Amino acid sequence: MEEISFAFFHGKAYHGYAHAKENPELIFYVGQNRYTTKETEDSYLDQTWQKQAKDELGPIVEHFFPDSFHNAVDIY
C-alpha cells in the first residue's frame, strides 16, 4: 500500500489503494466497508479478472470490430 486515508466525514473508515508485489501495474482498492461491520475488503479479484478479460476478450472484440475506435471489456 502506498497511502492510507481516513474518511472522517464519510463513514469514518480507512481506505487506500495498493498493488500486488509481483504486478505493480495492477492497482486495487483496499478499505473498510463503511456500511456494515467495518471489515476490511479489497477489489484485488475484481481488478485481476478485469485485466484477464481485457487480455483474453479484447483481441476478439477488435477482430470483429476492427474499425471501432472505442471498445471496452468489463466484468460485473
C-alpha atoms as a PDB file:
ATOM      1  CA  MET A   1       0.000   0.000   0.000  1.00  0.00           C
ATOM      2  CA  GLU A   2       1.274   3.390  -0.925  1.00  0.00           C
ATOM      3  CA  GLU A   3      -1.056   5.600   1.116  1.00  0.00           C
ATOM      4  CA  ILE A   4      -3.855   5.100   3.626  1.00  0.00           C
ATOM      5  CA  SER A   5      -6.581   7.698   4.250  1.00  0.00           C
ATOM      6  CA  PHE A   6      -9.210   8.090   6.934  1.00  0.00           C
ATOM      7  CA  ALA A   7     -12.609   9.377   5.793  1.00  0.00           C
ATOM      8  CA  PHE A   8     -13.838  11.147   8.912  1.00  0.00           C
ATOM      9  CA  PHE A   9     -16.982  12.660   7.356  1.00  0.00           C
ATOM     10  CA  HIS A  10     -17.835   9.718   5.073  1.00  0.00           C
ATOM     11  CA  GLY A  11     -18.383   6.741   7.328  1.00  0.00           C
ATOM     12  CA  LYS A  12     -15.282   7.097   9.491  1.00  0.00           C
ATOM     13  CA  ALA A  13     -13.399   4.360   7.664  1.00  0.00           C
ATOM     14  CA  TYR A  14      -9.865   3.745   6.459  1.00  0.00           C
ATOM     15  CA  HIS A  15      -9.216   3.259   2.758  1.00  0.00           C
ATOM     16  CA  GLY A  16      -6.446   3.334   0.186  1.00  0.00           C
ATOM     17  CA  TYR A  17      -5.031   1.753  -2.939  1.00  0.00           C
ATOM     18  CA  ALA A  18      -2.471  -0.997  -3.243  1.00  0.00           C
ATOM     19  CA  HIS A  19      -0.704  -3.052  -5.862  1.00  0.00           C
ATOM     20  CA  ALA A  20       0.475  -6.618  -5.914  1.00  0.00           C
ATOM     21  CA  LYS A  21       4.174  -7.023  -5.201  1.00  0.00           C
ATOM     22  CA  GLU A  22       4.613  -9.201  -8.294  1.00  0.00           C
ATOM     23  CA  ASN A  23       2.467  -6.936 -10.504  1.00  0.00           C
ATOM     24  CA  PRO A  24       2.817  -3.220  -9.635  1.00  0.00           C
ATOM     25  CA  GLU A  25       0.629  -2.188 -12.595  1.00  0.00           C
ATOM     26  CA  LEU A  26      -2.417  -3.935 -11.072  1.00  0.00           C
ATOM     27  CA  ILE A  27      -3.794  -1.290  -8.694  1.00  0.00           C
ATOM     28  CA  PHE A  28      -6.770  -2.138  -6.483  1.00  0.00           C
ATOM     29  CA  TYR A  29      -8.848  -0.632  -3.661  1.00  0.00           C
ATOM     30  CA  VAL A  30      -8.418  -1.660  -0.020  1.00  0.00           C
ATOM     31  CA  GLY A  31     -10.625  -0.309   2.725  1.00  0.00           C
ATOM     32  CA  GLN A  32     -13.185  -0.750   5.430  1.00  0.00           C
ATOM     33  CA  ASN A  33     -16.789  -1.325   4.493  1.00  0.00           C
ATOM     34  CA  ARG A  34     -18.382   1.786   5.972  1.00  0.00           C
ATOM     35  CA  TYR A  35     -21.925   0.434   5.668  1.00  0.00           C
ATOM     36  CA  THR A  36     -21.644  -2.781   7.660  1.00  0.00           C
ATOM     37  CA  THR A  37     -19.148  -4.074  10.191  1.00  0.00           C
ATOM     38  CA  LYS A  38     -16.124  -2.011   9.083  1.00  0.00           C
ATOM     39  CA  GLU A  39     -14.486  -5.212   7.891  1.00  0.00           C
ATOM     40  CA  THR A  40     -11.562  -4.742   5.538  1.00  0.00           C
ATOM     41  CA  GLU A  41     -12.235  -5.625   1.912  1.00  0.00           C
ATOM     42  CA  ASP A  42     -10.440  -5.166  -1.378  1.00  0.00           C
ATOM     43  CA  SER A  43     -11.005  -5.262  -5.125  1.00  0.00           C
ATOM     44  CA  TYR A  44      -7.987  -7.429  -5.974  1.00  0.00           C
ATOM     45  CA  LEU A  45     -10.008 -10.237  -7.575  1.00  0.00           C
ATOM     46  CA  ASP A  46     -12.223  -7.795  -9.479  1.00  0.00           C
ATOM     47  CA  GLN A  47      -9.208  -5.992 -10.934  1.00  0.00           C
ATOM     48  CA  THR A  48      -7.426  -9.280 -11.711  1.00  0.00           C
ATOM     49  CA  TRP A  49     -10.460 -10.661 -13.556  1.00  0.00           C
ATOM     50  CA  GLN A  50     -10.921  -7.325 -15.347  1.00  0.00           C
ATOM     51  CA  LYS A  51      -7.348  -7.495 -16.665  1.00  0.00           C
ATOM     52  CA  GLN A  52      -7.728 -11.145 -17.674  1.00  0.00           C
ATOM     53  CA  ALA A  53     -10.972 -10.389 -19.529  1.00  0.00           C
ATOM     54  CA  LYS A  54      -9.376  -7.472 -21.345  1.00  0.00           C
ATOM     55  CA  ASP A  55      -6.317  -9.544 -22.303  1.00  0.00           C
ATOM     56  CA  GLU A  56      -8.370 -12.555 -23.470  1.00  0.00           C
ATOM     57  CA  LEU A  57     -11.524 -10.955 -24.890  1.00  0.00           C
ATOM     58  CA  GLY A  58     -10.093  -7.659 -26.122  1.00  0.00           C
ATOM     59  CA  PRO A  59      -8.434  -9.196 -29.211  1.00  0.00           C
ATOM     60  CA  ILE A  60     -11.691 -10.985 -30.103  1.00  0.00           C
ATOM     61  CA  VAL A  61     -13.661  -7.735 -29.929  1.00  0.00           C
ATOM     62  CA  GLU A  62     -11.007  -5.987 -32.025  1.00  0.00           C
ATOM     63  CA  HIS A  63     -11.126  -8.798 -34.579  1.00  0.00           C
ATOM     64  CA  PHE A  64     -14.880  -8.477 -35.120  1.00  0.00           C
ATOM     65  CA  PHE A  65     -14.961  -4.671 -34.840  1.00  0.00           C
ATOM     66  CA  PRO A  66     -11.640  -3.525 -36.369  1.00  0.00           C
ATOM     67  CA  ASP A  67     -12.884  -0.037 -37.235  1.00  0.00           C
ATOM     68  CA  SER A  68     -14.237   0.669 -33.771  1.00  0.00           C
ATOM     69  CA  PHE A  69     -12.158   3.343 -32.071  1.00  0.00           C
ATOM     70  CA  HIS A  70     -13.600   2.808 -28.573  1.00  0.00           C
ATOM     71  CA  ASN A  71     -14.193  -0.607 -27.066  1.00  0.00           C
ATOM     72  CA  ALA A  72     -14.022  -1.964 -23.575  1.00  0.00           C
ATOM     73  CA  VAL A  73     -14.348  -5.253 -21.749  1.00  0.00           C
ATOM     74  CA  ASP A  74     -15.921  -5.043 -18.281  1.00  0.00           C
ATOM     75  CA  ILE A  75     -16.711  -7.674 -15.671  1.00  0.00           C
ATOM     76  CA  TYR A  76     -19.659  -7.088 -13.334  1.00  0.00           C
END
